[in-house]
Amino acid sequence: MGITPVKDMVAEAKRAITSLSTEEAARMVEAGEALLVDIRDPRELSRDGRIPGAFHAPRGMLEFWIDPESPYHKEGLATDRTLVLFCASAWRSALSAQTLQNMGVENVAEMEGGFAAWKKDERPIDQ
């Protein structure tokens, strides 16, 4: 049987979730309708920089920080705004958005192209 290739899992997730362009994500944040959630590893943030105002929730803790019943719950993620997840290139964020949807989170999307697309579009970055 073998394992399912991660690229197939990402493609399946992308069919089930909402993907926003960097332009759409930035507009929603500016309008107060969205919160950018950076799920990259802390080493990636140190190396590559951060998007100003983004909430950092490492991928390995995301479900625990979202769940209000978890002892690790983070109040900053309990919002009516759309949580727009991003990683380096939108693979982890696609899988994460699908997982949060499966948990019952309705206001979640991912940013197409991730941090790399944000940087390519010359949007603000803190080093």
N, C-alpha and C. Protein backbone atom coordinates (compact mmCIF):
# COMPACT_ATOMS: atom_id res chain seq x y z
N MET A 1 0.82 -1.20 0.00
CA MET A 1 0.00 0.00 0.00
C MET A 1 0.86 1.26 0.00
N GLY A 2 1.88 1.38 0.82
CA GLY A 2 2.75 2.55 0.84
C GLY A 2 2.10 3.74 1.52
N ILE A 3 2.89 4.76 1.72
CA ILE A 3 2.37 5.97 2.35
C ILE A 3 1.85 6.93 1.31
N THR A 4 0.92 7.77 1.70
CA THR A 4 0.41 8.80 0.83
C THR A 4 1.45 9.92 0.73
N PRO A 5 1.86 10.28 -0.48
CA PRO A 5 2.84 11.37 -0.61
C PRO A 5 2.29 12.68 -0.05
N VAL A 6 3.15 13.44 0.62
CA VAL A 6 2.73 14.69 1.23
C VAL A 6 2.17 15.65 0.19
N LYS A 7 2.72 15.64 -1.03
CA LYS A 7 2.18 16.55 -2.06
C LYS A 7 0.73 16.22 -2.37
N ASP A 8 0.34 14.95 -2.29
CA ASP A 8 -1.05 14.57 -2.50
C ASP A 8 -1.93 15.04 -1.34
N MET A 9 -1.39 14.94 -0.13
CA MET A 9 -2.12 15.43 1.05
C MET A 9 -2.33 16.93 0.96
N VAL A 10 -1.32 17.66 0.53
CA VAL A 10 -1.43 19.11 0.40
C VAL A 10 -2.46 19.46 -0.68
N ALA A 11 -2.40 18.77 -1.81
CA ALA A 11 -3.36 19.03 -2.89
C ALA A 11 -4.79 18.77 -2.42
N GLU A 12 -4.99 17.70 -1.67
CA GLU A 12 -6.31 17.39 -1.13
C GLU A 12 -6.77 18.48 -0.16
N ALA A 13 -5.86 18.92 0.71
CA ALA A 13 -6.19 19.98 1.67
C ALA A 13 -6.58 21.26 0.95
N LYS A 14 -5.83 21.61 -0.08
CA LYS A 14 -6.10 22.86 -0.82
C LYS A 14 -7.47 22.84 -1.50
N ARG A 15 -7.96 21.65 -1.83
CA ARG A 15 -9.30 21.56 -2.41
C ARG A 15 -10.38 21.79 -1.35
N ALA A 16 -10.04 21.60 -0.08
CA ALA A 16 -11.03 21.66 1.00
C ALA A 16 -11.01 22.98 1.78
N ILE A 17 -10.01 23.82 1.53
CA ILE A 17 -9.84 25.04 2.33
C ILE A 17 -9.94 26.28 1.47
N THR A 18 -9.94 27.43 2.13
CA THR A 18 -9.90 28.72 1.44
C THR A 18 -8.46 29.18 1.37
N SER A 19 -8.01 29.56 0.18
CA SER A 19 -6.68 30.12 -0.01
C SER A 19 -6.83 31.57 -0.43
N LEU A 20 -6.06 32.44 0.22
CA LEU A 20 -6.10 33.86 -0.08
C LEU A 20 -4.77 34.31 -0.65
N SER A 21 -4.80 35.23 -1.59
CA SER A 21 -3.57 35.83 -2.09
C SER A 21 -2.98 36.72 -1.00
N THR A 22 -1.72 37.10 -1.15
CA THR A 22 -1.13 38.02 -0.17
C THR A 22 -1.89 39.34 -0.17
N GLU A 23 -2.36 39.75 -1.33
CA GLU A 23 -3.13 41.00 -1.42
C GLU A 23 -4.44 40.90 -0.64
N GLU A 24 -5.17 39.78 -0.83
CA GLU A 24 -6.42 39.59 -0.08
C GLU A 24 -6.16 39.53 1.42
N ALA A 25 -5.12 38.79 1.81
CA ALA A 25 -4.80 38.65 3.23
C ALA A 25 -4.45 40.01 3.84
N ALA A 26 -3.60 40.77 3.16
CA ALA A 26 -3.20 42.09 3.66
C ALA A 26 -4.41 43.02 3.78
N ARG A 27 -5.30 42.98 2.79
CA ARG A 27 -6.50 43.83 2.82
C ARG A 27 -7.38 43.46 4.01
N MET A 28 -7.57 42.16 4.24
CA MET A 28 -8.41 41.70 5.35
C MET A 28 -7.81 42.08 6.70
N VAL A 29 -6.49 41.98 6.82
CA VAL A 29 -5.82 42.37 8.07
C VAL A 29 -6.01 43.86 8.30
N GLU A 30 -5.78 44.66 7.27
CA GLU A 30 -5.92 46.11 7.39
C GLU A 30 -7.34 46.51 7.76
N ALA A 31 -8.33 45.77 7.28
CA ALA A 31 -9.73 46.05 7.58
C ALA A 31 -10.15 45.50 8.94
N GLY A 32 -9.24 44.81 9.63
CA GLY A 32 -9.58 44.24 10.93
C GLY A 32 -10.38 42.95 10.84
N GLU A 33 -10.39 42.33 9.65
CA GLU A 33 -11.19 41.13 9.42
C GLU A 33 -10.38 39.84 9.57
N ALA A 34 -9.05 39.95 9.65
CA ALA A 34 -8.22 38.75 9.69
C ALA A 34 -7.02 38.95 10.61
N LEU A 35 -6.51 37.83 11.07
CA LEU A 35 -5.28 37.78 11.85
C LEU A 35 -4.32 36.84 11.13
N LEU A 36 -3.15 37.33 10.75
CA LEU A 36 -2.15 36.46 10.15
C LEU A 36 -1.55 35.60 11.25
N VAL A 37 -1.44 34.29 10.98
CA VAL A 37 -0.88 33.34 11.95
C VAL A 37 0.29 32.63 11.29
N ASP A 38 1.47 32.92 11.80
CA ASP A 38 2.73 32.39 11.28
C ASP A 38 3.00 31.06 11.97
N ILE A 39 2.96 29.96 11.22
CA ILE A 39 3.16 28.64 11.84
C ILE A 39 4.56 28.10 11.59
N ARG A 40 5.46 28.95 11.09
CA ARG A 40 6.83 28.50 10.84
C ARG A 40 7.57 28.23 12.16
N ASP A 41 8.62 27.47 12.05
CA ASP A 41 9.50 27.16 13.16
C ASP A 41 10.22 28.44 13.62
N PRO A 42 10.46 28.58 14.92
CA PRO A 42 11.17 29.78 15.40
C PRO A 42 12.48 30.05 14.68
N ARG A 43 13.20 29.01 14.28
CA ARG A 43 14.45 29.22 13.54
C ARG A 43 14.21 29.90 12.20
N GLU A 44 13.07 29.60 11.56
CA GLU A 44 12.75 30.26 10.29
C GLU A 44 12.50 31.74 10.50
N LEU A 45 11.84 32.09 11.59
CA LEU A 45 11.58 33.50 11.88
C LEU A 45 12.88 34.24 12.10
N SER A 46 13.80 33.65 12.87
CA SER A 46 15.10 34.27 13.12
C SER A 46 15.89 34.44 11.83
N ARG A 47 15.85 33.45 10.99
CA ARG A 47 16.64 33.46 9.76
C ARG A 47 16.04 34.37 8.67
N ASP A 48 14.70 34.29 8.50
CA ASP A 48 14.07 34.92 7.34
C ASP A 48 13.28 36.18 7.65
N GLY A 49 13.00 36.44 8.92
CA GLY A 49 12.20 37.60 9.29
C GLY A 49 10.75 37.24 9.56
N ARG A 50 9.98 38.26 9.92
CA ARG A 50 8.58 38.07 10.31
C ARG A 50 7.70 39.10 9.60
N ILE A 51 6.44 38.76 9.49
CA ILE A 51 5.46 39.73 9.00
C ILE A 51 4.99 40.53 10.21
N PRO A 52 5.11 41.87 10.16
CA PRO A 52 4.70 42.68 11.30
C PRO A 52 3.25 42.40 11.70
N GLY A 53 3.04 42.21 13.00
CA GLY A 53 1.69 41.99 13.52
C GLY A 53 1.19 40.57 13.45
N ALA A 54 1.93 39.67 12.80
CA ALA A 54 1.49 38.28 12.70
C ALA A 54 1.64 37.59 14.07
N PHE A 55 0.69 36.74 14.39
CA PHE A 55 0.72 35.95 15.62
C PHE A 55 1.54 34.70 15.33
N HIS A 56 2.55 34.43 16.14
CA HIS A 56 3.36 33.23 15.92
C HIS A 56 2.80 32.07 16.71
N ALA A 57 2.42 31.00 16.00
CA ALA A 57 1.91 29.76 16.60
C ALA A 57 2.63 28.61 15.90
N PRO A 58 3.71 28.10 16.48
CA PRO A 58 4.46 27.03 15.81
C PRO A 58 3.56 25.87 15.43
N ARG A 59 3.80 25.31 14.27
CA ARG A 59 2.96 24.23 13.74
C ARG A 59 2.71 23.12 14.75
N GLY A 60 3.70 22.75 15.51
CA GLY A 60 3.56 21.65 16.45
C GLY A 60 2.64 21.95 17.62
N MET A 61 2.32 23.23 17.85
CA MET A 61 1.46 23.60 18.98
C MET A 61 0.10 24.14 18.54
N LEU A 62 -0.11 24.31 17.25
CA LEU A 62 -1.29 25.00 16.74
C LEU A 62 -2.61 24.46 17.29
N GLU A 63 -2.82 23.16 17.18
CA GLU A 63 -4.08 22.58 17.65
C GLU A 63 -4.27 22.79 19.15
N PHE A 64 -3.19 22.68 19.90
CA PHE A 64 -3.26 22.86 21.35
C PHE A 64 -3.56 24.31 21.72
N TRP A 65 -3.00 25.24 20.97
CA TRP A 65 -3.21 26.65 21.25
C TRP A 65 -4.60 27.11 20.82
N ILE A 66 -5.18 26.46 19.82
CA ILE A 66 -6.52 26.81 19.33
C ILE A 66 -7.62 26.31 20.26
N ASP A 67 -7.44 25.12 20.78
CA ASP A 67 -8.47 24.44 21.59
C ASP A 67 -8.67 25.14 22.94
N PRO A 68 -9.86 25.74 23.17
CA PRO A 68 -10.08 26.42 24.45
C PRO A 68 -10.07 25.49 25.66
N GLU A 69 -10.20 24.19 25.44
CA GLU A 69 -10.17 23.22 26.53
C GLU A 69 -8.74 22.76 26.85
N SER A 70 -7.79 23.12 26.02
CA SER A 70 -6.41 22.70 26.20
C SER A 70 -5.72 23.55 27.27
N PRO A 71 -4.88 22.95 28.07
CA PRO A 71 -4.13 23.75 29.04
C PRO A 71 -3.14 24.71 28.35
N TYR A 72 -2.91 24.53 27.06
CA TYR A 72 -1.98 25.37 26.30
C TYR A 72 -2.68 26.46 25.48
N HIS A 73 -4.00 26.55 25.62
CA HIS A 73 -4.79 27.51 24.83
C HIS A 73 -4.22 28.92 24.90
N LYS A 74 -4.18 29.59 23.75
CA LYS A 74 -3.71 30.97 23.67
C LYS A 74 -4.90 31.86 23.32
N GLU A 75 -5.21 32.77 24.21
CA GLU A 75 -6.34 33.67 24.04
C GLU A 75 -6.24 34.50 22.76
N GLY A 76 -5.02 34.79 22.32
CA GLY A 76 -4.84 35.58 21.10
C GLY A 76 -5.41 34.93 19.85
N LEU A 77 -5.62 33.62 19.89
CA LEU A 77 -6.20 32.91 18.74
C LEU A 77 -7.71 32.76 18.85
N ALA A 78 -8.28 33.17 19.99
CA ALA A 78 -9.73 33.11 20.18
C ALA A 78 -10.31 34.43 19.67
N THR A 79 -10.60 34.48 18.40
CA THR A 79 -11.04 35.71 17.76
C THR A 79 -12.12 35.41 16.73
N ASP A 80 -12.92 36.43 16.44
CA ASP A 80 -13.92 36.30 15.39
C ASP A 80 -13.31 36.57 14.01
N ARG A 81 -12.10 37.13 14.02
CA ARG A 81 -11.43 37.41 12.74
C ARG A 81 -11.04 36.09 12.08
N THR A 82 -10.89 36.13 10.77
CA THR A 82 -10.41 34.96 10.03
C THR A 82 -8.94 34.74 10.36
N LEU A 83 -8.61 33.51 10.74
CA LEU A 83 -7.22 33.15 10.98
C LEU A 83 -6.61 32.78 9.64
N VAL A 84 -5.66 33.56 9.18
CA VAL A 84 -5.01 33.31 7.90
C VAL A 84 -3.63 32.72 8.20
N LEU A 85 -3.53 31.40 8.04
CA LEU A 85 -2.30 30.69 8.35
C LEU A 85 -1.31 30.82 7.21
N PHE A 86 -0.03 30.90 7.58
CA PHE A 86 1.01 30.84 6.55
C PHE A 86 2.25 30.19 7.11
N CYS A 87 2.99 29.56 6.21
CA CYS A 87 4.29 28.97 6.53
C CYS A 87 5.26 29.51 5.49
N ALA A 88 6.30 28.77 5.18
CA ALA A 88 7.28 29.25 4.20
C ALA A 88 6.70 29.29 2.79
N SER A 89 6.02 28.19 2.39
CA SER A 89 5.55 28.12 1.00
C SER A 89 4.14 27.58 0.84
N ALA A 90 3.38 27.48 1.92
CA ALA A 90 1.96 27.12 1.90
C ALA A 90 1.67 25.62 1.84
N TRP A 91 2.60 24.78 2.23
CA TRP A 91 2.30 23.36 2.36
C TRP A 91 1.80 23.06 3.77
N ARG A 92 2.60 23.46 4.76
CA ARG A 92 2.19 23.22 6.15
C ARG A 92 0.92 23.98 6.49
N SER A 93 0.79 25.19 5.95
CA SER A 93 -0.40 25.98 6.27
C SER A 93 -1.65 25.37 5.65
N ALA A 94 -1.54 24.75 4.49
CA ALA A 94 -2.70 24.08 3.88
C ALA A 94 -3.15 22.92 4.76
N LEU A 95 -2.20 22.09 5.19
CA LEU A 95 -2.54 20.96 6.06
C LEU A 95 -3.10 21.45 7.39
N SER A 96 -2.53 22.53 7.91
CA SER A 96 -2.98 23.08 9.19
C SER A 96 -4.38 23.67 9.09
N ALA A 97 -4.65 24.38 8.02
CA ALA A 97 -5.99 24.96 7.84
C ALA A 97 -7.04 23.85 7.76
N GLN A 98 -6.71 22.78 7.05
CA GLN A 98 -7.64 21.65 6.96
C GLN A 98 -7.85 21.02 8.34
N THR A 99 -6.78 20.87 9.12
CA THR A 99 -6.89 20.31 10.45
C THR A 99 -7.78 21.18 11.34
N LEU A 100 -7.59 22.49 11.29
CA LEU A 100 -8.42 23.39 12.11
C LEU A 100 -9.88 23.33 11.67
N GLN A 101 -10.12 23.24 10.37
CA GLN A 101 -11.49 23.06 9.89
C GLN A 101 -12.08 21.78 10.46
N ASN A 102 -11.30 20.71 10.46
CA ASN A 102 -11.77 19.43 11.00
C ASN A 102 -12.04 19.53 12.49
N MET A 103 -11.37 20.44 13.18
CA MET A 103 -11.60 20.66 14.61
C MET A 103 -12.86 21.49 14.85
N GLY A 104 -13.39 22.11 13.79
CA GLY A 104 -14.59 22.93 13.92
C GLY A 104 -14.35 24.42 13.82
N VAL A 105 -13.12 24.83 13.51
CA VAL A 105 -12.82 26.25 13.33
C VAL A 105 -13.37 26.66 11.97
N GLU A 106 -14.28 27.63 11.98
CA GLU A 106 -14.93 28.03 10.73
C GLU A 106 -14.22 29.18 10.04
N ASN A 107 -13.59 30.05 10.82
CA ASN A 107 -12.97 31.25 10.25
C ASN A 107 -11.47 31.04 10.06
N VAL A 108 -11.13 30.15 9.10
CA VAL A 108 -9.73 29.85 8.84
C VAL A 108 -9.47 29.78 7.34
N ALA A 109 -8.28 30.25 6.96
CA ALA A 109 -7.84 30.20 5.56
C ALA A 109 -6.32 30.07 5.59
N GLU A 110 -5.72 29.91 4.42
CA GLU A 110 -4.27 29.94 4.33
C GLU A 110 -3.87 30.94 3.27
N MET A 111 -2.65 31.46 3.41
CA MET A 111 -2.15 32.44 2.47
C MET A 111 -1.35 31.72 1.38
N GLU A 112 -1.85 31.80 0.18
CA GLU A 112 -1.23 31.12 -0.96
C GLU A 112 0.20 31.60 -1.15
N GLY A 113 1.11 30.64 -1.25
CA GLY A 113 2.52 30.96 -1.46
C GLY A 113 3.28 31.25 -0.19
N GLY A 114 2.59 31.44 0.93
CA GLY A 114 3.21 31.62 2.23
C GLY A 114 4.12 32.84 2.33
N PHE A 115 5.07 32.74 3.25
CA PHE A 115 6.00 33.84 3.51
C PHE A 115 6.80 34.18 2.26
N ALA A 116 7.14 33.18 1.47
CA ALA A 116 7.91 33.42 0.24
C ALA A 116 7.14 34.33 -0.71
N ALA A 117 5.84 34.14 -0.84
CA ALA A 117 5.02 34.99 -1.72
C ALA A 117 4.92 36.40 -1.14
N TRP A 118 4.76 36.50 0.18
CA TRP A 118 4.68 37.81 0.85
C TRP A 118 5.96 38.60 0.55
N LYS A 119 7.10 37.93 0.69
CA LYS A 119 8.40 38.57 0.46
C LYS A 119 8.55 38.94 -1.01
N LYS A 120 8.17 38.03 -1.90
CA LYS A 120 8.26 38.27 -3.35
C LYS A 120 7.41 39.48 -3.76
N ASP A 121 6.25 39.63 -3.10
CA ASP A 121 5.36 40.76 -3.39
C ASP A 121 5.83 42.05 -2.74
N GLU A 122 7.00 41.99 -2.07
CA GLU A 122 7.63 43.14 -1.43
C GLU A 122 6.74 43.79 -0.38
N ARG A 123 6.08 42.93 0.38
CA ARG A 123 5.28 43.41 1.51
C ARG A 123 6.19 43.56 2.72
N PRO A 124 5.75 44.28 3.75
CA PRO A 124 6.62 44.58 4.91
C PRO A 124 7.08 43.32 5.66
N ILE A 125 8.36 43.35 6.03
CA ILE A 125 8.97 42.26 6.81
C ILE A 125 9.86 42.89 7.87
N ASP A 126 9.77 42.37 9.10
CA ASP A 126 10.69 42.74 10.17
C ASP A 126 11.80 41.72 10.22
N GLN A 127 13.02 42.16 10.32
CA GLN A 127 14.17 41.25 10.38
C GLN A 127 14.53 40.93 11.79
